[in-house]
Amino acid sequence: TTAGATDQTGDSGGKLVLSGTSESRSIPCSGREVEVEEAATASKYTLTGECKKVTVDGVSNEVEVEKVGELVVKGTS
């Protein structure tokens, strides 16, 4: 697990939770669910491969997704 990210189940099929501030990262989805938490602010995430579900919260985040089954956007800006 890297700074600003946690894998909630501890395996490659788990949910990846991102909560960084002013981060710029490229992350392979590997079929996982990804959540950008409410605490995330002004970050840019590039999600490669296929994501099961992406939920974006927080403020002023930019998320690029290569392929996604379901997208939920709740954040501001």
PDB file of N, CA and C in Angstrom:
ATOM      1  N   THR A   1       0.843  -1.182   0.000  1.00  0.00           N
ATOM      2  CA  THR A   1       0.000   0.000   0.000  1.00  0.00           C
ATOM      3  C   THR A   1       0.886   1.241   0.000  1.00  0.00           C
ATOM      4  N   THR A   2       0.508   2.235  -0.790  1.00  0.00           N
ATOM      5  CA  THR A   2       1.287   3.458  -0.864  1.00  0.00           C
ATOM      6  C   THR A   2       0.593   4.576  -0.104  1.00  0.00           C
ATOM      7  N   ALA A   3       1.293   5.672   0.108  1.00  0.00           N
ATOM      8  CA  ALA A   3       0.732   6.813   0.845  1.00  0.00           C
ATOM      9  C   ALA A   3      -0.546   7.285   0.178  1.00  0.00           C
ATOM     10  N   GLY A   4      -1.570   7.552   0.977  1.00  0.00           N
ATOM     11  CA  GLY A   4      -2.825   8.056   0.453  1.00  0.00           C
ATOM     12  C   GLY A   4      -3.719   6.988  -0.140  1.00  0.00           C
ATOM     13  N   ALA A   5      -3.341   5.705  -0.012  1.00  0.00           N
ATOM     14  CA  ALA A   5      -4.143   4.624  -0.572  1.00  0.00           C
ATOM     15  C   ALA A   5      -4.174   3.442   0.378  1.00  0.00           C
ATOM     16  N   THR A   6      -5.332   2.815   0.474  1.00  0.00           N
ATOM     17  CA  THR A   6      -5.435   1.597   1.260  1.00  0.00           C
ATOM     18  C   THR A   6      -6.221   0.565   0.481  1.00  0.00           C
ATOM     19  N   ASP A   7      -5.831  -0.683   0.635  1.00  0.00           N
ATOM     20  CA  ASP A   7      -6.537  -1.805   0.037  1.00  0.00           C
ATOM     21  C   ASP A   7      -7.341  -2.438   1.168  1.00  0.00           C
ATOM     22  N   GLN A   8      -8.656  -2.276   1.145  1.00  0.00           N
ATOM     23  CA  GLN A   8      -9.480  -2.645   2.290  1.00  0.00           C
ATOM     24  C   GLN A   8      -9.598  -4.146   2.538  1.00  0.00           C
ATOM     25  N   THR A   9      -9.269  -4.977   1.560  1.00  0.00           N
ATOM     26  CA  THR A   9      -9.381  -6.408   1.798  1.00  0.00           C
ATOM     27  C   THR A   9      -8.031  -7.110   1.857  1.00  0.00           C
ATOM     28  N   GLY A  10      -6.974  -6.400   1.475  1.00  0.00           N
ATOM     29  CA  GLY A  10      -5.644  -6.985   1.567  1.00  0.00           C
ATOM     30  C   GLY A  10      -5.285  -7.921   0.428  1.00  0.00           C
ATOM     31  N   ASP A  11      -6.120  -8.030  -0.617  1.00  0.00           N
ATOM     32  CA  ASP A  11      -5.764  -8.861  -1.768  1.00  0.00           C
ATOM     33  C   ASP A  11      -5.979  -8.067  -3.052  1.00  0.00           C
ATOM     34  N   SER A  12      -5.539  -8.618  -4.171  1.00  0.00           N
ATOM     35  CA  SER A  12      -5.594  -7.890  -5.430  1.00  0.00           C
ATOM     36  C   SER A  12      -7.011  -7.627  -5.906  1.00  0.00           C
ATOM     37  N   GLY A  13      -8.011  -8.340  -5.397  1.00  0.00           N
ATOM     38  CA  GLY A  13      -9.392  -8.120  -5.792  1.00  0.00           C
ATOM     39  C   GLY A  13     -10.113  -7.173  -4.867  1.00  0.00           C
ATOM     40  N   GLY A  14      -9.404  -6.555  -3.912  1.00  0.00           N
ATOM     41  CA  GLY A  14     -10.013  -5.700  -2.907  1.00  0.00           C
ATOM     42  C   GLY A  14     -10.345  -4.315  -3.415  1.00  0.00           C
ATOM     43  N   LYS A  15     -10.963  -3.550  -2.564  1.00  0.00           N
ATOM     44  CA  LYS A  15     -11.337  -2.171  -2.857  1.00  0.00           C
ATOM     45  C   LYS A  15     -10.157  -1.262  -2.534  1.00  0.00           C
ATOM     46  N   LEU A  16      -9.774  -0.436  -3.482  1.00  0.00           N
ATOM     47  CA  LEU A  16      -8.688   0.514  -3.296  1.00  0.00           C
ATOM     48  C   LEU A  16      -9.297   1.858  -2.924  1.00  0.00           C
ATOM     49  N   VAL A  17      -8.865   2.430  -1.794  1.00  0.00           N
ATOM     50  CA  VAL A  17      -9.390   3.705  -1.306  1.00  0.00           C
ATOM     51  C   VAL A  17      -8.285   4.748  -1.395  1.00  0.00           C
ATOM     52  N   LEU A  18      -8.561   5.845  -2.097  1.00  0.00           N
ATOM     53  CA  LEU A  18      -7.600   6.925  -2.296  1.00  0.00           C
ATOM     54  C   LEU A  18      -8.071   8.161  -1.543  1.00  0.00           C
ATOM     55  N   SER A  19      -7.162   8.807  -0.817  1.00  0.00           N
ATOM     56  CA  SER A  19      -7.567   9.964  -0.011  1.00  0.00           C
ATOM     57  C   SER A  19      -6.501  11.046   0.036  1.00  0.00           C
ATOM     58  N   GLY A  20      -5.663  11.121  -0.966  1.00  0.00           N
ATOM     59  CA  GLY A  20      -4.553  12.066  -0.955  1.00  0.00           C
ATOM     60  C   GLY A  20      -4.939  13.505  -1.251  1.00  0.00           C
ATOM     61  N   THR A  21      -4.003  14.396  -0.985  1.00  0.00           N
ATOM     62  CA  THR A  21      -4.152  15.812  -1.297  1.00  0.00           C
ATOM     63  C   THR A  21      -3.044  16.204  -2.259  1.00  0.00           C
ATOM     64  N   SER A  22      -3.422  16.806  -3.373  1.00  0.00           N
ATOM     65  CA  SER A  22      -2.476  17.255  -4.408  1.00  0.00           C
ATOM     66  C   SER A  22      -1.586  16.120  -4.907  1.00  0.00           C
ATOM     67  N   GLU A  23      -2.143  14.927  -5.035  1.00  0.00           N
ATOM     68  CA  GLU A  23      -1.404  13.776  -5.572  1.00  0.00           C
ATOM     69  C   GLU A  23      -1.570  13.729  -7.089  1.00  0.00           C
ATOM     70  N   SER A  24      -0.629  13.124  -7.765  1.00  0.00           N
ATOM     71  CA  SER A  24      -0.740  12.812  -9.177  1.00  0.00           C
ATOM     72  C   SER A  24      -0.198  11.398  -9.336  1.00  0.00           C
ATOM     73  N   ARG A  25      -1.109  10.446  -9.594  1.00  0.00           N
ATOM     74  CA  ARG A  25      -0.697   9.035  -9.631  1.00  0.00           C
ATOM     75  C   ARG A  25      -1.385   8.280 -10.744  1.00  0.00           C
ATOM     76  N   SER A  26      -0.704   7.263 -11.251  1.00  0.00           N
ATOM     77  CA  SER A  26      -1.275   6.311 -12.189  1.00  0.00           C
ATOM     78  C   SER A  26      -1.377   4.984 -11.452  1.00  0.00           C
ATOM     79  N   ILE A  27      -2.571   4.391 -11.476  1.00  0.00           N
ATOM     80  CA  ILE A  27      -2.826   3.189 -10.674  1.00  0.00           C
ATOM     81  C   ILE A  27      -3.513   2.137 -11.538  1.00  0.00           C
ATOM     82  N   PRO A  28      -2.995   0.902 -11.559  1.00  0.00           N
ATOM     83  CA  PRO A  28      -3.687  -0.161 -12.284  1.00  0.00           C
ATOM     84  C   PRO A  28      -4.902  -0.650 -11.483  1.00  0.00           C
ATOM     85  N   CYS A  29      -6.048  -0.726 -12.140  1.00  0.00           N
ATOM     86  CA  CYS A  29      -7.274  -1.165 -11.457  1.00  0.00           C
ATOM     87  C   CYS A  29      -7.269  -2.664 -11.174  1.00  0.00           C
ATOM     88  N   SER A  30      -6.841  -3.441 -12.125  1.00  0.00           N
ATOM     89  CA  SER A  30      -6.797  -4.901 -11.979  1.00  0.00           C
ATOM     90  C   SER A  30      -8.147  -5.484 -11.566  1.00  0.00           C
ATOM     91  N   GLY A  31      -9.240  -4.924 -12.123  1.00  0.00           N
ATOM     92  CA  GLY A  31     -10.582  -5.434 -11.833  1.00  0.00           C
ATOM     93  C   GLY A  31     -11.148  -5.017 -10.492  1.00  0.00           C
ATOM     94  N   ARG A  32     -10.434  -4.171  -9.755  1.00  0.00           N
ATOM     95  CA  ARG A  32     -10.880  -3.768  -8.416  1.00  0.00           C
ATOM     96  C   ARG A  32     -11.906  -2.647  -8.461  1.00  0.00           C
ATOM     97  N   GLU A  33     -12.515  -2.423  -7.311  1.00  0.00           N
ATOM     98  CA  GLU A  33     -13.350  -1.254  -7.070  1.00  0.00           C
ATOM     99  C   GLU A  33     -12.428  -0.182  -6.503  1.00  0.00           C
ATOM    100  N   VAL A  34     -12.592   1.070  -6.962  1.00  0.00           N
ATOM    101  CA  VAL A  34     -11.756   2.178  -6.500  1.00  0.00           C
ATOM    102  C   VAL A  34     -12.658   3.276  -5.957  1.00  0.00           C
ATOM    103  N   GLU A  35     -12.298   3.797  -4.791  1.00  0.00           N
ATOM    104  CA  GLU A  35     -13.043   4.897  -4.190  1.00  0.00           C
ATOM    105  C   GLU A  35     -12.098   6.049  -3.891  1.00  0.00           C
ATOM    106  N   VAL A  36     -12.438   7.238  -4.421  1.00  0.00           N
ATOM    107  CA  VAL A  36     -11.719   8.462  -4.070  1.00  0.00           C
ATOM    108  C   VAL A  36     -12.538   9.073  -2.939  1.00  0.00           C
ATOM    109  N   GLU A  37     -11.969   9.065  -1.732  1.00  0.00           N
ATOM    110  CA  GLU A  37     -12.701   9.470  -0.533  1.00  0.00           C
ATOM    111  C   GLU A  37     -12.968  10.968  -0.466  1.00  0.00           C
ATOM    112  N   GLU A  38     -13.870  11.336   0.436  1.00  0.00           N
ATOM    113  CA  GLU A  38     -14.231  12.729   0.671  1.00  0.00           C
ATOM    114  C   GLU A  38     -13.016  13.567   1.064  1.00  0.00           C
ATOM    115  N   ALA A  39     -12.042  12.959   1.737  1.00  0.00           N
ATOM    116  CA  ALA A  39     -10.835  13.675   2.178  1.00  0.00           C
ATOM    117  C   ALA A  39      -9.905  14.034   1.019  1.00  0.00           C
ATOM    118  N   ALA A  40     -10.056  13.392  -0.131  1.00  0.00           N
ATOM    119  CA  ALA A  40      -9.187  13.660  -1.281  1.00  0.00           C
ATOM    120  C   ALA A  40      -9.454  15.063  -1.826  1.00  0.00           C
ATOM    121  N   THR A  41      -8.373  15.807  -2.066  1.00  0.00           N
ATOM    122  CA  THR A  41      -8.502  17.189  -2.527  1.00  0.00           C
ATOM    123  C   THR A  41      -7.444  17.493  -3.578  1.00  0.00           C
ATOM    124  N   ALA A  42      -7.880  18.059  -4.696  1.00  0.00           N
ATOM    125  CA  ALA A  42      -6.984  18.543  -5.755  1.00  0.00           C
ATOM    126  C   ALA A  42      -5.992  17.479  -6.220  1.00  0.00           C
ATOM    127  N   SER A  43      -6.458  16.242  -6.356  1.00  0.00           N
ATOM    128  CA  SER A  43      -5.593  15.155  -6.819  1.00  0.00           C
ATOM    129  C   SER A  43      -5.970  14.744  -8.229  1.00  0.00           C
ATOM    130  N   LYS A  44      -5.002  14.161  -8.935  1.00  0.00           N
ATOM    131  CA  LYS A  44      -5.244  13.637 -10.273  1.00  0.00           C
ATOM    132  C   LYS A  44      -4.873  12.159 -10.277  1.00  0.00           C
ATOM    133  N   TYR A  45      -5.849  11.312 -10.566  1.00  0.00           N
ATOM    134  CA  TYR A  45      -5.625   9.874 -10.611  1.00  0.00           C
ATOM    135  C   TYR A  45      -5.923   9.366 -12.016  1.00  0.00           C
ATOM    136  N   THR A  46      -5.018   8.568 -12.549  1.00  0.00           N
ATOM    137  CA  THR A  46      -5.217   7.899 -13.822  1.00  0.00           C
ATOM    138  C   THR A  46      -5.348   6.409 -13.512  1.00  0.00           C
ATOM    139  N   LEU A  47      -6.518   5.857 -13.776  1.00  0.00           N
ATOM    140  CA  LEU A  47      -6.794   4.447 -13.475  1.00  0.00           C
ATOM    141  C   LEU A  47      -6.709   3.663 -14.770  1.00  0.00           C
ATOM    142  N   THR A  48      -5.737   2.751 -14.845  1.00  0.00           N
ATOM    143  CA  THR A  48      -5.506   1.981 -16.061  1.00  0.00           C
ATOM    144  C   THR A  48      -6.140   0.603 -15.948  1.00  0.00           C
ATOM    145  N   GLY A  49      -6.379   0.006 -17.097  1.00  0.00           N
ATOM    146  CA  GLY A  49      -7.018  -1.301 -17.120  1.00  0.00           C
ATOM    147  C   GLY A  49      -8.498  -1.167 -16.822  1.00  0.00           C
ATOM    148  N   GLU A  50      -9.091  -2.266 -16.386  1.00  0.00           N
ATOM    149  CA  GLU A  50     -10.534  -2.283 -16.124  1.00  0.00           C
ATOM    150  C   GLU A  50     -10.824  -2.182 -14.630  1.00  0.00           C
ATOM    151  N   CYS A  51     -11.694  -1.238 -14.265  1.00  0.00           N
ATOM    152  CA  CYS A  51     -12.147  -1.070 -12.889  1.00  0.00           C
ATOM    153  C   CYS A  51     -13.572  -1.605 -12.783  1.00  0.00           C
ATOM    154  N   LYS A  52     -13.858  -2.330 -11.717  1.00  0.00           N
ATOM    155  CA  LYS A  52     -15.211  -2.837 -11.489  1.00  0.00           C
ATOM    156  C   LYS A  52     -16.169  -1.675 -11.256  1.00  0.00           C
ATOM    157  N   LYS A  53     -15.785  -0.759 -10.347  1.00  0.00           N
ATOM    158  CA  LYS A  53     -16.605   0.399  -9.991  1.00  0.00           C
ATOM    159  C   LYS A  53     -15.670   1.497  -9.512  1.00  0.00           C
ATOM    160  N   VAL A  54     -15.958   2.738  -9.904  1.00  0.00           N
ATOM    161  CA  VAL A  54     -15.187   3.886  -9.436  1.00  0.00           C
ATOM    162  C   VAL A  54     -16.157   4.874  -8.800  1.00  0.00           C
ATOM    163  N   THR A  55     -15.876   5.238  -7.545  1.00  0.00           N
ATOM    164  CA  THR A  55     -16.667   6.235  -6.829  1.00  0.00           C
ATOM    165  C   THR A  55     -15.754   7.420  -6.561  1.00  0.00           C
ATOM    166  N   VAL A  56     -16.175   8.621  -6.986  1.00  0.00           N
ATOM    167  CA  VAL A  56     -15.361   9.822  -6.822  1.00  0.00           C
ATOM    168  C   VAL A  56     -16.077  10.793  -5.895  1.00  0.00           C
ATOM    169  N   ASP A  57     -15.431  11.137  -4.794  1.00  0.00           N
ATOM    170  CA  ASP A  57     -15.925  12.121  -3.843  1.00  0.00           C
ATOM    171  C   ASP A  57     -14.816  13.155  -3.688  1.00  0.00           C
ATOM    172  N   GLY A  58     -14.870  13.983  -2.686  1.00  0.00           N
ATOM    173  CA  GLY A  58     -13.816  14.963  -2.449  1.00  0.00           C
ATOM    174  C   GLY A  58     -14.037  16.247  -3.219  1.00  0.00           C
ATOM    175  N   VAL A  59     -12.980  17.058  -3.286  1.00  0.00           N
ATOM    176  CA  VAL A  59     -13.065  18.387  -3.892  1.00  0.00           C
ATOM    177  C   VAL A  59     -11.966  18.571  -4.929  1.00  0.00           C
ATOM    178  N   SER A  60     -12.344  19.025  -6.124  1.00  0.00           N
ATOM    179  CA  SER A  60     -11.407  19.383  -7.201  1.00  0.00           C
ATOM    180  C   SER A  60     -10.480  18.244  -7.601  1.00  0.00           C
ATOM    181  N   ASN A  61     -10.993  17.026  -7.642  1.00  0.00           N
ATOM    182  CA  ASN A  61     -10.204  15.876  -8.081  1.00  0.00           C
ATOM    183  C   ASN A  61     -10.448  15.623  -9.563  1.00  0.00           C
ATOM    184  N   GLU A  62      -9.420  15.121 -10.239  1.00  0.00           N
ATOM    185  CA  GLU A  62      -9.517  14.750 -11.643  1.00  0.00           C
ATOM    186  C   GLU A  62      -9.202  13.261 -11.744  1.00  0.00           C
ATOM    187  N   VAL A  63     -10.122  12.506 -12.348  1.00  0.00           N
ATOM    188  CA  VAL A  63      -9.935  11.063 -12.458  1.00  0.00           C
ATOM    189  C   VAL A  63     -10.113  10.651 -13.916  1.00  0.00           C
ATOM    190  N   GLU A  64      -9.102   9.999 -14.457  1.00  0.00           N
ATOM    191  CA  GLU A  64      -9.178   9.431 -15.798  1.00  0.00           C
ATOM    192  C   GLU A  64      -9.281   7.923 -15.643  1.00  0.00           C
ATOM    193  N   VAL A  65     -10.249   7.317 -16.340  1.00  0.00           N
ATOM    194  CA  VAL A  65     -10.477   5.879 -16.223  1.00  0.00           C
ATOM    195  C   VAL A  65     -10.437   5.263 -17.612  1.00  0.00           C
ATOM    196  N   GLU A  66      -9.633   4.199 -17.751  1.00  0.00           N
ATOM    197  CA  GLU A  66      -9.530   3.523 -19.041  1.00  0.00           C
ATOM    198  C   GLU A  66     -10.805   2.750 -19.358  1.00  0.00           C
ATOM    199  N   LYS A  67     -11.307   1.967 -18.396  1.00  0.00           N
ATOM    200  CA  LYS A  67     -12.517   1.166 -18.594  1.00  0.00           C
ATOM    201  C   LYS A  67     -13.159   0.934 -17.232  1.00  0.00           C
ATOM    202  N   VAL A  68     -14.487   1.140 -17.148  1.00  0.00           N
ATOM    203  CA  VAL A  68     -15.171   1.007 -15.862  1.00  0.00           C
ATOM    204  C   VAL A  68     -16.554   0.406 -16.060  1.00  0.00           C
ATOM    205  N   GLY A  69     -16.962  -0.454 -15.107  1.00  0.00           N
ATOM    206  CA  GLY A  69     -18.281  -1.056 -15.140  1.00  0.00           C
ATOM    207  C   GLY A  69     -19.339  -0.096 -14.621  1.00  0.00           C
ATOM    208  N   GLU A  70     -19.023   0.628 -13.547  1.00  0.00           N
ATOM    209  CA  GLU A  70     -19.961   1.572 -12.931  1.00  0.00           C
ATOM    210  C   GLU A  70     -19.187   2.774 -12.404  1.00  0.00           C
ATOM    211  N   LEU A  71     -19.734   3.973 -12.646  1.00  0.00           N
ATOM    212  CA  LEU A  71     -19.100   5.210 -12.205  1.00  0.00           C
ATOM    213  C   LEU A  71     -20.084   5.995 -11.359  1.00  0.00           C
ATOM    214  N   VAL A  72     -19.644   6.395 -10.150  1.00  0.00           N
ATOM    215  CA  VAL A  72     -20.471   7.192  -9.239  1.00  0.00           C
ATOM    216  C   VAL A  72     -19.680   8.443  -8.889  1.00  0.00           C
ATOM    217  N   VAL A  73     -20.272   9.625  -9.132  1.00  0.00           N
ATOM    218  CA  VAL A  73     -19.599  10.894  -8.856  1.00  0.00           C
ATOM    219  C   VAL A  73     -20.429  11.665  -7.834  1.00  0.00           C
ATOM    220  N   LYS A  74     -19.809  11.981  -6.670  1.00  0.00           N
ATOM    221  CA  LYS A  74     -20.508  12.707  -5.609  1.00  0.00           C
ATOM    222  C   LYS A  74     -19.758  13.943  -5.162  1.00  0.00           C
ATOM    223  N   GLY A  75     -18.557  14.136  -5.591  1.00  0.00           N
ATOM    224  CA  GLY A  75     -17.714  15.226  -5.109  1.00  0.00           C
ATOM    225  C   GLY A  75     -18.069  16.579  -5.695  1.00  0.00           C
ATOM    226  N   THR A  76     -17.281  17.574  -5.328  1.00  0.00           N
ATOM    227  CA  THR A  76     -17.450  18.945  -5.803  1.00  0.00           C
ATOM    228  C   THR A  76     -16.326  19.293  -6.761  1.00  0.00           C
ATOM    229  N   SER A  77     -16.646  19.913  -7.851  1.00  0.00           N
ATOM    230  CA  SER A  77     -15.675  20.328  -8.888  1.00  0.00           C
ATOM    231  C   SER A  77     -14.934  19.139  -9.469  1.00  0.00           C
TER     232      SER A  77
END
